[in-house]
N, C-alpha and C. Protein backbone atom coordinates (compact mmCIF):
# COMPACT_ATOMS: atom_id res chain seq x y z
N MET A 1 40.52 -80.27 19.78
CA MET A 1 39.34 -80.33 20.38
C MET A 1 38.79 -81.03 19.34
N LYS A 2 37.81 -81.38 19.61
CA LYS A 2 36.59 -81.57 18.64
C LYS A 2 35.09 -80.30 18.68
N HIS A 3 34.97 -79.56 17.81
CA HIS A 3 34.43 -78.25 18.43
C HIS A 3 33.06 -79.14 17.55
N ILE A 4 32.84 -79.99 16.70
CA ILE A 4 31.44 -79.84 16.16
C ILE A 4 31.01 -81.50 16.36
N ILE A 5 30.09 -82.12 16.58
CA ILE A 5 28.93 -82.98 17.22
C ILE A 5 28.13 -83.65 16.01
N PHE A 6 28.24 -84.54 15.13
CA PHE A 6 27.16 -85.20 14.62
C PHE A 6 26.48 -86.47 15.14
N PHE A 7 24.82 -86.02 15.40
CA PHE A 7 24.72 -87.27 16.49
C PHE A 7 23.64 -87.86 15.39
N ASP A 8 23.65 -89.17 16.05
CA ASP A 8 22.44 -89.87 14.89
C ASP A 8 21.19 -89.84 16.09
N LEU A 9 20.25 -90.02 15.40
CA LEU A 9 19.06 -90.21 16.05
C LEU A 9 18.85 -90.94 16.49
N ASP A 10 17.55 -92.11 15.61
CA ASP A 10 17.45 -93.60 16.70
C ASP A 10 18.57 -94.24 17.22
N GLY A 11 17.83 -94.40 18.72
CA GLY A 11 19.22 -95.25 19.54
C GLY A 11 20.29 -94.43 20.29
N THR A 12 20.57 -92.95 19.57
CA THR A 12 21.21 -91.93 20.20
C THR A 12 20.47 -91.17 21.18
N LEU A 13 19.84 -90.15 20.36
CA LEU A 13 19.09 -89.52 21.20
C LEU A 13 17.60 -89.88 21.66
N THR A 14 17.03 -90.55 20.85
CA THR A 14 15.92 -91.10 21.34
C THR A 14 15.48 -92.80 20.97
N ASP A 15 14.54 -93.15 22.13
CA ASP A 15 14.57 -94.77 21.76
C ASP A 15 13.35 -94.95 20.91
N SER A 16 13.33 -94.99 19.77
CA SER A 16 12.63 -95.45 18.75
C SER A 16 11.78 -96.43 18.12
N GLY A 17 12.29 -97.57 18.95
CA GLY A 17 12.20 -98.95 18.96
C GLY A 17 11.01 -99.55 18.95
N GLU A 18 9.76 -99.13 19.36
CA GLU A 18 8.17 -99.32 19.36
C GLU A 18 7.80 -98.70 18.24
N GLY A 19 7.77 -97.47 17.66
CA GLY A 19 7.19 -96.77 16.35
C GLY A 19 7.71 -97.60 15.27
N ILE A 20 9.10 -97.68 15.43
CA ILE A 20 9.80 -98.44 13.82
C ILE A 20 9.23 -100.14 13.98
N THR A 21 9.45 -100.60 14.92
CA THR A 21 9.01 -101.96 15.10
C THR A 21 7.24 -102.05 14.93
N ASN A 22 6.57 -101.04 14.82
CA ASN A 22 5.36 -101.57 14.78
C ASN A 22 4.50 -100.78 13.10
N CYS A 23 5.62 -100.20 12.73
CA CYS A 23 5.54 -99.68 11.60
C CYS A 23 5.71 -101.20 10.16
N VAL A 24 7.07 -101.21 10.74
CA VAL A 24 7.67 -102.49 9.92
C VAL A 24 6.45 -103.92 10.09
N ILE A 25 6.05 -103.98 11.27
CA ILE A 25 4.65 -105.07 11.11
C ILE A 25 3.52 -104.57 9.98
N HIS A 26 3.24 -103.42 10.45
CA HIS A 26 2.22 -102.86 9.22
C HIS A 26 2.48 -103.10 8.14
N ALA A 27 4.12 -102.82 7.71
CA ALA A 27 4.33 -102.63 6.37
C ALA A 27 4.31 -104.16 5.66
N LEU A 28 4.75 -105.51 6.59
CA LEU A 28 4.68 -106.30 5.99
C LEU A 28 3.06 -107.04 6.09
N GLN A 29 2.50 -106.53 7.03
CA GLN A 29 0.95 -107.09 7.08
C GLN A 29 0.37 -106.96 6.01
N GLN A 30 0.84 -105.96 5.09
CA GLN A 30 0.21 -105.24 3.79
C GLN A 30 0.20 -106.35 2.45
N GLN A 31 1.34 -107.08 2.71
CA GLN A 31 1.93 -107.66 1.75
C GLN A 31 1.60 -109.08 2.08
N ASN A 32 0.99 -109.67 3.69
CA ASN A 32 0.64 -110.56 3.96
C ASN A 32 2.07 -111.34 3.85
N TRP A 33 3.02 -110.86 4.15
CA TRP A 33 4.75 -111.49 4.82
C TRP A 33 4.69 -111.60 6.25
N PRO A 34 5.62 -112.67 5.97
CA PRO A 34 5.76 -113.33 7.48
C PRO A 34 6.19 -112.27 8.61
N ILE A 35 5.86 -112.04 9.91
CA ILE A 35 6.23 -111.18 10.46
C ILE A 35 8.01 -111.79 11.11
N PRO A 36 8.84 -110.99 11.21
CA PRO A 36 10.01 -111.62 11.92
C PRO A 36 10.09 -111.95 13.15
N ALA A 37 10.81 -112.57 13.50
CA ALA A 37 11.28 -112.61 15.46
C ALA A 37 11.47 -111.24 16.16
N PRO A 38 11.30 -110.83 17.15
CA PRO A 38 11.56 -109.67 17.71
C PRO A 38 12.98 -109.21 17.53
N ASP A 39 14.00 -110.47 17.53
CA ASP A 39 15.54 -109.73 17.71
C ASP A 39 15.44 -108.97 16.13
N ASP A 40 14.89 -110.04 15.38
CA ASP A 40 14.87 -109.64 13.99
C ASP A 40 14.26 -107.67 13.51
N LEU A 41 13.30 -107.95 14.32
CA LEU A 41 12.43 -106.89 13.81
C LEU A 41 13.38 -105.61 14.27
N ARG A 42 14.39 -105.76 15.81
CA ARG A 42 15.04 -104.80 15.95
C ARG A 42 16.36 -104.46 14.95
N ARG A 43 16.66 -105.72 14.25
CA ARG A 43 17.51 -105.14 13.56
C ARG A 43 17.03 -103.82 12.37
N PHE A 44 15.52 -104.10 12.34
CA PHE A 44 15.69 -102.98 11.19
C PHE A 44 15.57 -101.49 12.20
N ILE A 45 15.89 -101.21 12.83
CA ILE A 45 16.47 -99.91 13.73
C ILE A 45 17.63 -99.43 13.09
N GLY A 46 17.63 -98.70 12.37
CA GLY A 46 19.08 -98.01 12.09
C GLY A 46 19.64 -97.90 10.66
N PRO A 47 19.90 -98.90 10.22
CA PRO A 47 19.47 -98.89 8.66
C PRO A 47 18.87 -98.52 7.73
N PRO A 48 19.16 -98.29 6.78
CA PRO A 48 18.24 -97.89 5.54
C PRO A 48 16.83 -98.94 5.53
N LEU A 49 15.44 -98.76 5.26
CA LEU A 49 14.59 -99.36 5.52
C LEU A 49 14.51 -100.42 4.04
N ILE A 50 14.86 -99.87 2.89
CA ILE A 50 14.73 -100.52 1.68
C ILE A 50 16.12 -101.63 1.74
N ASP A 51 17.12 -102.07 2.15
CA ASP A 51 17.82 -103.00 2.51
C ASP A 51 17.47 -103.63 3.62
N SER A 52 16.94 -103.37 4.64
CA SER A 52 16.37 -104.22 5.44
C SER A 52 15.61 -105.06 5.22
N PHE A 53 14.35 -104.32 4.46
CA PHE A 53 13.21 -105.26 4.38
C PHE A 53 13.72 -105.93 3.15
N GLN A 54 14.89 -105.95 2.46
CA GLN A 54 15.29 -107.46 1.55
C GLN A 54 16.36 -108.50 2.57
N HIS A 55 17.02 -107.56 3.40
CA HIS A 55 18.10 -108.33 3.81
C HIS A 55 17.49 -109.14 5.15
N ILE A 56 16.86 -108.79 5.05
CA ILE A 56 16.16 -108.87 6.98
C ILE A 56 14.68 -109.83 6.56
N ALA A 57 13.79 -109.67 6.15
CA ALA A 57 12.62 -110.01 5.76
C ALA A 57 12.53 -110.89 4.29
N GLY A 58 13.51 -110.87 3.57
CA GLY A 58 13.80 -111.56 2.04
C GLY A 58 13.01 -110.98 1.32
N MET A 59 12.50 -109.58 0.84
CA MET A 59 11.52 -109.56 0.22
C MET A 59 12.40 -109.33 -1.14
N ASP A 60 12.10 -109.53 -2.54
CA ASP A 60 12.90 -108.77 -3.21
C ASP A 60 12.51 -107.24 -3.43
N ALA A 61 13.11 -106.88 -4.65
CA ALA A 61 13.36 -104.88 -4.72
C ALA A 61 12.29 -104.55 -4.95
N GLU A 62 10.88 -105.10 -5.56
CA GLU A 62 9.64 -104.20 -5.49
C GLU A 62 9.22 -104.50 -4.35
N GLN A 63 9.03 -105.50 -3.75
CA GLN A 63 8.67 -105.78 -2.66
C GLN A 63 8.57 -104.80 -1.57
N ALA A 64 10.00 -104.69 -1.28
CA ALA A 64 10.43 -103.71 -0.55
C ALA A 64 10.33 -102.43 -0.81
N ALA A 65 10.46 -101.86 -2.04
CA ALA A 65 9.92 -100.69 -2.19
C ALA A 65 8.37 -100.65 -2.05
N GLN A 66 7.78 -101.15 -1.72
CA GLN A 66 6.19 -101.06 -1.45
C GLN A 66 6.06 -101.42 0.06
N ALA A 67 6.88 -101.83 0.68
CA ALA A 67 7.53 -101.83 2.09
C ALA A 67 7.32 -100.91 2.82
N VAL A 68 8.28 -100.11 1.77
CA VAL A 68 8.63 -98.54 2.38
C VAL A 68 7.92 -97.96 2.40
N THR A 69 6.83 -98.13 1.31
CA THR A 69 5.68 -96.90 0.95
C THR A 69 4.44 -97.09 2.10
N ASP A 70 4.30 -97.95 2.09
CA ASP A 70 3.73 -98.73 3.53
C ASP A 70 3.90 -98.04 5.16
N TYR A 71 4.93 -98.62 5.09
CA TYR A 71 5.67 -97.96 6.10
C TYR A 71 5.92 -96.49 6.72
N ARG A 72 6.18 -95.86 5.79
CA ARG A 72 6.05 -94.29 6.02
C ARG A 72 4.46 -93.99 6.47
N ALA A 73 3.69 -94.68 5.39
CA ALA A 73 2.37 -94.09 5.46
C ALA A 73 1.86 -94.34 7.04
N ARG A 74 2.38 -95.27 7.83
CA ARG A 74 2.02 -94.86 9.07
C ARG A 74 2.56 -94.38 10.23
N TYR A 75 4.36 -94.16 9.64
CA TYR A 75 5.18 -93.87 10.57
C TYR A 75 4.75 -92.19 10.40
N SER A 76 4.58 -91.55 9.04
CA SER A 76 4.11 -89.96 8.84
C SER A 76 3.18 -89.64 10.01
N THR A 77 2.23 -90.50 10.36
CA THR A 77 1.20 -90.22 10.86
C THR A 77 1.22 -90.35 12.28
N VAL A 78 1.58 -91.83 12.85
CA VAL A 78 1.43 -92.36 14.07
C VAL A 78 2.74 -92.79 14.74
N GLY A 79 3.38 -93.38 13.94
CA GLY A 79 4.81 -94.20 14.33
C GLY A 79 6.13 -93.30 14.66
N LEU A 80 6.65 -91.98 14.41
CA LEU A 80 7.17 -91.41 14.77
C LEU A 80 7.02 -90.67 15.94
N PHE A 81 5.80 -90.74 16.49
CA PHE A 81 6.07 -90.02 17.88
C PHE A 81 5.62 -91.17 18.69
N GLU A 82 5.95 -92.49 18.41
CA GLU A 82 5.43 -93.72 19.15
C GLU A 82 7.08 -93.82 19.73
N ASN A 83 7.79 -92.55 20.64
CA ASN A 83 8.94 -92.47 20.50
C ASN A 83 9.46 -92.02 21.79
N ARG A 84 10.52 -92.04 22.44
CA ARG A 84 10.90 -90.83 23.90
C ARG A 84 12.24 -90.57 23.51
N ALA A 85 12.63 -89.30 23.94
CA ALA A 85 13.99 -89.06 24.23
C ALA A 85 14.37 -89.49 25.37
N TYR A 86 15.70 -90.07 25.55
CA TYR A 86 16.65 -90.89 26.50
C TYR A 86 16.34 -89.69 27.88
N ASP A 87 16.52 -89.97 28.91
CA ASP A 87 16.60 -89.17 29.89
C ASP A 87 18.33 -88.76 29.78
N GLY A 88 18.16 -87.11 30.45
CA GLY A 88 19.34 -86.43 29.80
C GLY A 88 19.72 -85.84 28.86
N VAL A 89 19.06 -86.38 27.61
CA VAL A 89 19.74 -86.11 26.54
C VAL A 89 19.69 -84.32 26.03
N ILE A 90 18.45 -83.93 27.06
CA ILE A 90 18.40 -82.13 26.44
C ILE A 90 19.26 -82.03 27.17
N ASP A 91 19.59 -81.93 28.54
CA ASP A 91 20.62 -81.64 29.34
C ASP A 91 21.75 -81.79 28.56
N MET A 92 22.04 -82.78 27.78
CA MET A 92 23.35 -82.54 26.93
C MET A 92 24.03 -81.91 25.99
N LEU A 93 22.82 -81.72 25.30
CA LEU A 93 22.75 -80.75 24.01
C LEU A 93 22.62 -79.44 24.45
N ALA A 94 21.91 -79.08 25.74
CA ALA A 94 22.23 -78.04 26.03
C ALA A 94 23.66 -77.66 26.68
N ALA A 95 24.03 -78.19 27.23
CA ALA A 95 25.68 -78.18 27.63
C ALA A 95 26.77 -78.12 26.58
N LEU A 96 26.30 -78.67 25.93
CA LEU A 96 27.44 -78.71 24.62
C LEU A 96 27.46 -77.04 24.24
N LYS A 97 25.78 -76.88 23.50
CA LYS A 97 25.72 -75.40 23.20
C LYS A 97 25.97 -74.29 24.25
N ALA A 98 26.13 -74.90 25.60
CA ALA A 98 26.65 -73.56 26.57
C ALA A 98 28.18 -73.74 26.06
N ALA A 99 28.98 -74.55 25.72
CA ALA A 99 30.15 -74.89 26.19
C ALA A 99 30.75 -74.66 24.61
N GLY A 100 29.60 -73.68 23.38
CA GLY A 100 30.36 -73.42 22.20
C GLY A 100 30.93 -74.56 21.40
N LYS A 101 30.13 -75.46 21.81
CA LYS A 101 30.35 -76.43 20.62
C LYS A 101 29.01 -76.83 19.72
N ARG A 102 29.24 -77.19 18.50
CA ARG A 102 28.11 -77.36 17.25
C ARG A 102 27.58 -78.52 17.32
N SER A 103 26.53 -78.64 17.18
CA SER A 103 25.62 -80.04 17.24
C SER A 103 24.78 -80.03 16.15
N LEU A 104 24.81 -81.10 15.10
CA LEU A 104 24.13 -81.34 14.20
C LEU A 104 23.34 -82.87 14.29
N MET A 105 22.48 -82.96 13.66
CA MET A 105 21.59 -84.25 13.60
C MET A 105 22.06 -84.82 12.25
N VAL A 106 22.38 -86.07 12.40
CA VAL A 106 22.91 -86.49 11.27
C VAL A 106 22.10 -87.87 11.27
N THR A 107 21.44 -88.15 10.40
CA THR A 107 20.49 -89.70 10.30
C THR A 107 20.55 -89.97 9.03
N SER A 108 19.91 -91.50 9.15
CA SER A 108 19.46 -91.89 7.78
C SER A 108 17.90 -92.35 7.89
N LYS A 109 17.30 -91.26 8.86
CA LYS A 109 15.78 -91.19 8.67
C LYS A 109 15.44 -90.14 7.51
N PRO A 110 14.47 -90.12 7.02
CA PRO A 110 14.27 -88.78 6.14
C PRO A 110 14.13 -87.81 6.85
N GLU A 111 14.98 -86.84 6.30
CA GLU A 111 14.86 -85.35 6.81
C GLU A 111 13.29 -84.93 7.37
N VAL A 112 12.41 -84.93 6.55
CA VAL A 112 11.19 -84.53 6.74
C VAL A 112 10.66 -85.04 8.25
N PHE A 113 11.11 -86.03 8.63
CA PHE A 113 10.73 -86.80 9.76
C PHE A 113 11.53 -86.45 10.58
N SER A 114 12.75 -86.34 10.66
CA SER A 114 13.71 -86.02 12.21
C SER A 114 13.10 -84.56 12.32
N VAL A 115 13.08 -83.92 11.37
CA VAL A 115 12.87 -82.07 11.82
C VAL A 115 11.37 -82.07 12.48
N ARG A 116 10.12 -82.63 12.16
CA ARG A 116 9.60 -83.24 13.19
C ARG A 116 9.71 -83.44 14.62
N ILE A 117 10.39 -84.58 14.34
CA ILE A 117 10.93 -85.45 15.88
C ILE A 117 11.47 -84.13 16.57
N ALA A 118 12.77 -83.63 16.09
CA ALA A 118 13.45 -82.73 16.42
C ALA A 118 12.78 -81.73 17.77
N GLU A 119 11.64 -81.29 16.52
CA GLU A 119 10.42 -80.09 17.15
C GLU A 119 9.89 -80.73 18.22
N ARG A 120 9.21 -81.91 18.30
CA ARG A 120 8.45 -82.68 19.33
C ARG A 120 8.71 -82.61 20.44
N PHE A 121 10.60 -83.07 20.52
CA PHE A 121 11.21 -83.74 21.29
C PHE A 121 11.87 -82.35 22.63
N GLY A 122 12.22 -81.53 21.53
CA GLY A 122 12.40 -79.93 21.93
C GLY A 122 14.07 -80.42 21.57
N PHE A 123 14.40 -80.99 20.48
CA PHE A 123 15.82 -80.85 20.40
C PHE A 123 16.22 -79.78 19.41
N ALA A 124 15.62 -79.19 18.83
CA ALA A 124 15.65 -78.18 17.38
C ALA A 124 16.59 -77.12 18.38
N PRO A 125 16.49 -76.28 19.42
CA PRO A 125 16.63 -75.37 19.84
C PRO A 125 18.45 -75.53 19.87
N TYR A 126 18.96 -76.62 20.41
CA TYR A 126 20.16 -77.38 20.40
C TYR A 126 21.35 -77.28 19.24
N LEU A 127 20.71 -77.43 17.99
CA LEU A 127 20.83 -78.23 16.41
C LEU A 127 21.24 -77.11 15.75
N GLU A 128 22.47 -77.15 15.29
CA GLU A 128 22.70 -75.69 13.75
C GLU A 128 21.90 -76.49 12.88
N ASN A 129 21.81 -77.71 12.73
CA ASN A 129 20.89 -78.34 11.35
C ASN A 129 20.67 -79.80 11.35
N ILE A 130 19.51 -80.29 10.56
CA ILE A 130 19.23 -81.67 10.87
C ILE A 130 19.52 -82.02 9.72
N CYS A 131 20.43 -83.16 9.41
CA CYS A 131 20.39 -83.77 7.94
C CYS A 131 19.89 -85.22 8.00
N GLY A 132 19.07 -85.10 7.13
CA GLY A 132 18.70 -86.79 6.88
C GLY A 132 18.79 -87.24 5.62
N ALA A 133 17.64 -88.13 5.42
CA ALA A 133 17.84 -88.78 3.83
C ALA A 133 16.59 -88.43 3.43
N THR A 134 16.85 -88.34 2.04
CA THR A 134 15.61 -87.58 0.97
C THR A 134 14.45 -89.25 1.08
N LEU A 135 13.25 -88.65 0.58
CA LEU A 135 12.30 -89.55 0.46
C LEU A 135 12.04 -90.31 -1.01
N ASP A 136 12.97 -89.19 -1.76
CA ASP A 136 13.30 -89.99 -3.36
C ASP A 136 14.17 -91.10 -3.22
N GLY A 137 15.15 -91.45 -2.33
CA GLY A 137 15.84 -92.09 -2.19
C GLY A 137 16.94 -91.73 -2.83
N ARG A 138 17.13 -90.53 -2.93
CA ARG A 138 18.50 -89.75 -3.96
C ARG A 138 20.04 -89.91 -2.72
N ILE A 139 19.43 -89.52 -1.29
CA ILE A 139 20.02 -89.43 -0.17
C ILE A 139 19.72 -90.57 0.80
N ASN A 140 20.12 -92.08 1.05
CA ASN A 140 19.72 -92.94 1.73
C ASN A 140 20.72 -93.81 2.59
N THR A 141 21.87 -93.11 2.61
CA THR A 141 22.61 -93.93 3.44
C THR A 141 23.11 -93.09 4.36
N LYS A 142 23.90 -93.62 5.51
CA LYS A 142 24.31 -93.11 6.43
C LYS A 142 25.47 -91.84 5.90
N ASP A 143 26.52 -92.74 5.11
CA ASP A 143 27.84 -92.01 4.72
C ASP A 143 27.40 -90.53 3.65
N ALA A 144 26.21 -91.05 2.80
CA ALA A 144 25.93 -89.38 2.11
C ALA A 144 25.08 -88.66 3.03
N VAL A 145 24.66 -89.22 4.03
CA VAL A 145 24.16 -87.86 5.00
C VAL A 145 25.21 -87.32 5.49
N VAL A 146 26.57 -88.17 6.03
CA VAL A 146 27.32 -87.63 6.43
C VAL A 146 28.18 -86.34 5.55
N LYS A 147 28.06 -86.58 4.35
CA LYS A 147 28.32 -85.99 3.24
C LYS A 147 27.24 -84.86 3.20
N LEU A 148 26.31 -84.87 3.28
CA LEU A 148 25.41 -83.75 3.60
C LEU A 148 25.24 -82.68 4.30
N ALA A 149 26.20 -83.32 5.84
CA ALA A 149 26.15 -82.45 7.03
C ALA A 149 27.41 -82.02 6.89
N LEU A 150 28.54 -82.31 6.15
CA LEU A 150 29.58 -81.65 6.03
C LEU A 150 29.42 -80.35 5.14
N GLU A 151 28.60 -80.42 3.97
CA GLU A 151 28.14 -79.11 3.44
C GLU A 151 27.51 -78.56 4.13
N ARG A 152 26.83 -78.84 4.84
CA ARG A 152 26.05 -77.75 5.27
C ARG A 152 26.56 -77.17 6.37
N ALA A 153 27.63 -77.55 7.19
CA ALA A 153 28.59 -77.30 8.06
C ALA A 153 29.49 -76.53 7.75
N GLY A 154 29.66 -76.65 6.24
CA GLY A 154 30.65 -75.85 6.04
C GLY A 154 31.94 -76.26 5.50
N TYR A 155 32.28 -77.35 5.37
CA TYR A 155 33.36 -78.18 4.97
C TYR A 155 34.59 -78.31 6.08
N PRO A 156 34.18 -78.25 7.63
CA PRO A 156 35.27 -78.33 8.43
C PRO A 156 36.08 -79.63 8.55
N ASP A 157 36.86 -79.29 9.20
CA ASP A 157 38.08 -80.23 9.10
C ASP A 157 37.80 -81.22 9.78
N PRO A 158 37.75 -82.58 9.41
CA PRO A 158 37.01 -83.78 10.08
C PRO A 158 38.12 -84.04 11.60
N ALA A 159 38.96 -83.37 11.85
CA ALA A 159 39.45 -83.66 12.93
C ALA A 159 39.08 -82.76 14.02
N GLU A 160 38.30 -82.08 13.77
CA GLU A 160 37.51 -81.46 14.50
C GLU A 160 35.84 -81.84 14.77
N ILE A 161 35.21 -83.07 14.45
CA ILE A 161 34.10 -83.73 14.44
C ILE A 161 34.22 -84.62 15.29
N GLU A 162 33.14 -85.18 15.71
CA GLU A 162 33.08 -86.31 16.66
C GLU A 162 31.39 -87.02 15.91
N MET A 163 31.43 -88.12 15.56
CA MET A 163 29.94 -88.94 15.28
C MET A 163 29.96 -89.49 16.43
N VAL A 164 28.43 -89.19 16.66
CA VAL A 164 28.03 -90.34 17.82
C VAL A 164 26.81 -91.08 17.47
N GLY A 165 26.90 -92.31 17.65
CA GLY A 165 25.51 -93.10 16.96
C GLY A 165 25.69 -94.30 17.88
N ASP A 166 24.70 -95.24 17.64
CA ASP A 166 24.76 -96.61 17.88
C ASP A 166 24.74 -98.05 17.07
N ARG A 167 24.95 -97.71 16.00
CA ARG A 167 25.15 -99.15 15.11
C ARG A 167 26.84 -98.98 13.75
N MET A 168 26.94 -100.02 13.62
CA MET A 168 27.97 -99.94 12.78
C MET A 168 28.05 -99.11 11.67
N HIS A 169 26.37 -98.64 11.59
CA HIS A 169 26.76 -97.42 10.07
C HIS A 169 27.39 -96.26 10.41
N ASP A 170 26.90 -96.05 11.79
CA ASP A 170 27.28 -94.44 11.98
C ASP A 170 28.76 -94.63 11.95
N VAL A 171 29.40 -95.77 12.48
CA VAL A 171 30.79 -95.98 12.26
C VAL A 171 31.56 -95.71 11.14
N GLU A 172 31.29 -96.70 10.26
CA GLU A 172 31.57 -96.79 8.46
C GLU A 172 31.31 -95.42 8.12
N GLY A 173 30.21 -94.66 8.11
CA GLY A 173 30.00 -93.67 7.83
C GLY A 173 30.64 -92.67 7.68
N ALA A 174 30.80 -92.44 8.95
CA ALA A 174 31.89 -91.18 9.57
C ALA A 174 33.17 -91.58 8.83
N ARG A 175 33.54 -92.46 9.26
CA ARG A 175 35.35 -92.92 8.95
C ARG A 175 35.18 -92.99 7.24
N LYS A 176 34.34 -92.87 6.49
CA LYS A 176 34.78 -92.63 5.04
C LYS A 176 34.72 -91.27 4.97
N TYR A 177 35.15 -90.36 5.96
CA TYR A 177 34.97 -88.85 5.62
C TYR A 177 36.01 -88.35 6.81
N GLY A 178 36.66 -89.38 7.25
CA GLY A 178 37.72 -89.21 8.26
C GLY A 178 37.49 -88.75 9.44
N ILE A 179 36.41 -88.77 10.13
CA ILE A 179 35.67 -88.87 11.03
C ILE A 179 35.93 -89.67 12.11
N ASP A 180 35.78 -89.36 13.23
CA ASP A 180 35.84 -90.43 14.42
C ASP A 180 34.31 -90.74 14.57
N CYS A 181 34.12 -91.93 15.36
CA CYS A 181 32.61 -92.14 15.77
C CYS A 181 32.94 -92.45 17.13
N THR A 182 31.96 -92.17 18.17
CA THR A 182 31.92 -92.56 19.51
C THR A 182 30.27 -93.38 19.54
N TYR A 183 30.51 -94.47 20.08
CA TYR A 183 29.46 -95.40 20.12
C TYR A 183 28.98 -95.99 21.04
N VAL A 184 27.86 -95.94 21.47
CA VAL A 184 26.72 -95.60 22.54
C VAL A 184 26.32 -97.03 22.89
N LEU A 185 26.10 -97.20 24.07
CA LEU A 185 25.53 -98.52 24.08
C LEU A 185 24.23 -98.84 24.91
N TYR A 186 23.96 -97.84 25.02
CA TYR A 186 22.48 -97.87 25.32
C TYR A 186 21.31 -97.67 24.57
N GLY A 187 21.87 -97.65 22.96
CA GLY A 187 20.86 -97.52 21.75
C GLY A 187 20.74 -98.91 21.52
N PHE A 188 20.62 -99.36 20.01
CA PHE A 188 20.25 -100.76 19.25
C PHE A 188 21.30 -101.47 19.30
N GLY A 189 22.92 -100.93 19.61
CA GLY A 189 23.91 -101.93 18.74
C GLY A 189 24.66 -102.69 19.83
N THR A 190 25.35 -103.10 20.16
CA THR A 190 26.34 -104.01 21.38
C THR A 190 27.77 -103.67 21.28
N ARG A 191 28.41 -103.85 22.42
CA ARG A 191 29.12 -103.72 22.51
C ARG A 191 30.66 -104.56 21.50
N GLU A 192 29.69 -105.77 21.15
CA GLU A 192 30.65 -106.64 20.19
C GLU A 192 31.00 -105.62 18.85
N GLU A 193 29.78 -105.42 18.63
CA GLU A 193 29.51 -104.67 16.82
C GLU A 193 30.50 -103.43 16.99
N ALA A 194 30.67 -102.78 18.29
CA ALA A 194 31.55 -101.40 18.65
C ALA A 194 32.67 -101.78 18.11
N GLU A 195 32.94 -102.76 18.96
CA GLU A 195 34.99 -103.21 18.86
C GLU A 195 35.11 -103.80 17.95
N THR A 196 34.37 -104.74 17.16
CA THR A 196 34.35 -105.13 15.64
C THR A 196 34.32 -103.97 14.38
N HIS A 197 33.66 -103.17 14.71
CA HIS A 197 33.85 -101.93 13.74
C HIS A 197 34.75 -100.59 14.25
N HIS A 198 35.80 -101.12 14.90
CA HIS A 198 36.57 -100.24 15.53
C HIS A 198 36.34 -99.07 15.94
N ALA A 199 34.98 -98.62 16.84
CA ALA A 199 34.77 -97.08 17.12
C ALA A 199 35.56 -96.66 18.14
N ALA A 200 36.07 -95.52 17.78
CA ALA A 200 36.61 -94.46 18.42
C ALA A 200 36.88 -94.51 20.00
N HIS A 201 35.47 -94.37 20.38
CA HIS A 201 35.33 -94.54 21.91
C HIS A 201 33.82 -94.98 21.79
N ILE A 202 33.87 -95.75 22.99
CA ILE A 202 32.70 -96.49 23.64
C ILE A 202 31.86 -96.04 24.90
N VAL A 203 30.80 -95.70 24.96
CA VAL A 203 30.21 -94.77 26.09
C VAL A 203 28.99 -95.81 26.63
N PRO A 204 28.85 -95.96 27.83
CA PRO A 204 27.67 -96.96 28.27
C PRO A 204 26.24 -96.02 28.67
N THR A 205 26.39 -94.54 28.78
CA THR A 205 25.03 -94.05 29.43
C THR A 205 25.16 -92.83 28.45
N VAL A 206 23.98 -92.01 28.65
CA VAL A 206 23.55 -90.43 28.56
C VAL A 206 24.88 -89.65 28.92
N ASP A 207 24.75 -89.92 30.55
CA ASP A 207 25.40 -89.08 31.58
C ASP A 207 26.90 -89.17 31.11
N ALA A 208 27.72 -90.42 30.44
CA ALA A 208 28.88 -90.67 30.24
C ALA A 208 29.50 -90.08 28.76
N LEU A 209 28.15 -90.00 28.00
CA LEU A 209 28.25 -89.22 26.72
C LEU A 209 28.70 -87.72 26.81
N ARG A 210 27.88 -87.25 27.57
CA ARG A 210 28.22 -85.81 28.11
C ARG A 210 28.86 -85.33 28.54
N GLU A 211 29.62 -86.14 29.44
CA GLU A 211 31.38 -85.84 30.09
C GLU A 211 32.46 -85.88 28.82
N HIS A 212 31.91 -87.28 28.44
CA HIS A 212 33.15 -87.60 27.32
C HIS A 212 33.16 -86.54 25.45
N LEU A 213 32.09 -86.07 25.55
CA LEU A 213 31.76 -84.93 24.36
C LEU A 213 32.49 -83.64 25.43
N LEU A 214 32.34 -83.50 26.35
CA LEU A 214 32.23 -81.88 26.50
C LEU A 214 34.01 -82.07 27.19
N ALA A 215 34.61 -82.94 27.10
CA ALA A 215 36.08 -83.19 27.90
C ALA A 215 36.92 -83.63 26.14
N LEU A 216 36.16 -83.61 24.78
CA LEU A 216 36.73 -83.55 23.68
C LEU A 216 37.51 -82.40 22.79
């Protein structure tokens, strides 16, 4: 049985698209950089920002580092709450806790912001731990945060853990440590991406996710 659930945040527990894209636009405007098309802006949701500013916007390393600083300046005060919990998420977390399962948030968003979001939207009482990236870049990829979560959870058997996320980074970050990943389709990814990266399970809705996790 899977007793431990690692939850991604953006696109899995919350619909954070508005706040993230608004902050990306703000950061690019600070350097008079062209604003990508809407579909490309959505690609910023999930991966580490430093990579996205380079690979999507076309910045060099120095420009991307400045963009991350400008992004976080707005995100820390406004952007993190341009956000909403998906319908049914609180009920799902409560049901998992009642069933004796351990839930942790495992996100490549900075931990300091993730804690504030979890508290604001009512997730915190149902989470054993909130694991996120560090502002200094020491931990900034999904696999690095998965490693941190394993440490904080007491190094359980990977066979007892299920990762839940909406992007390839969740699938691959979990796989590095032998953890299966359930890919949700209500977030920011696609079925094609889930299948290409061989997600262990694919679910379409929060309600379907709740029943799936309770049955694991």
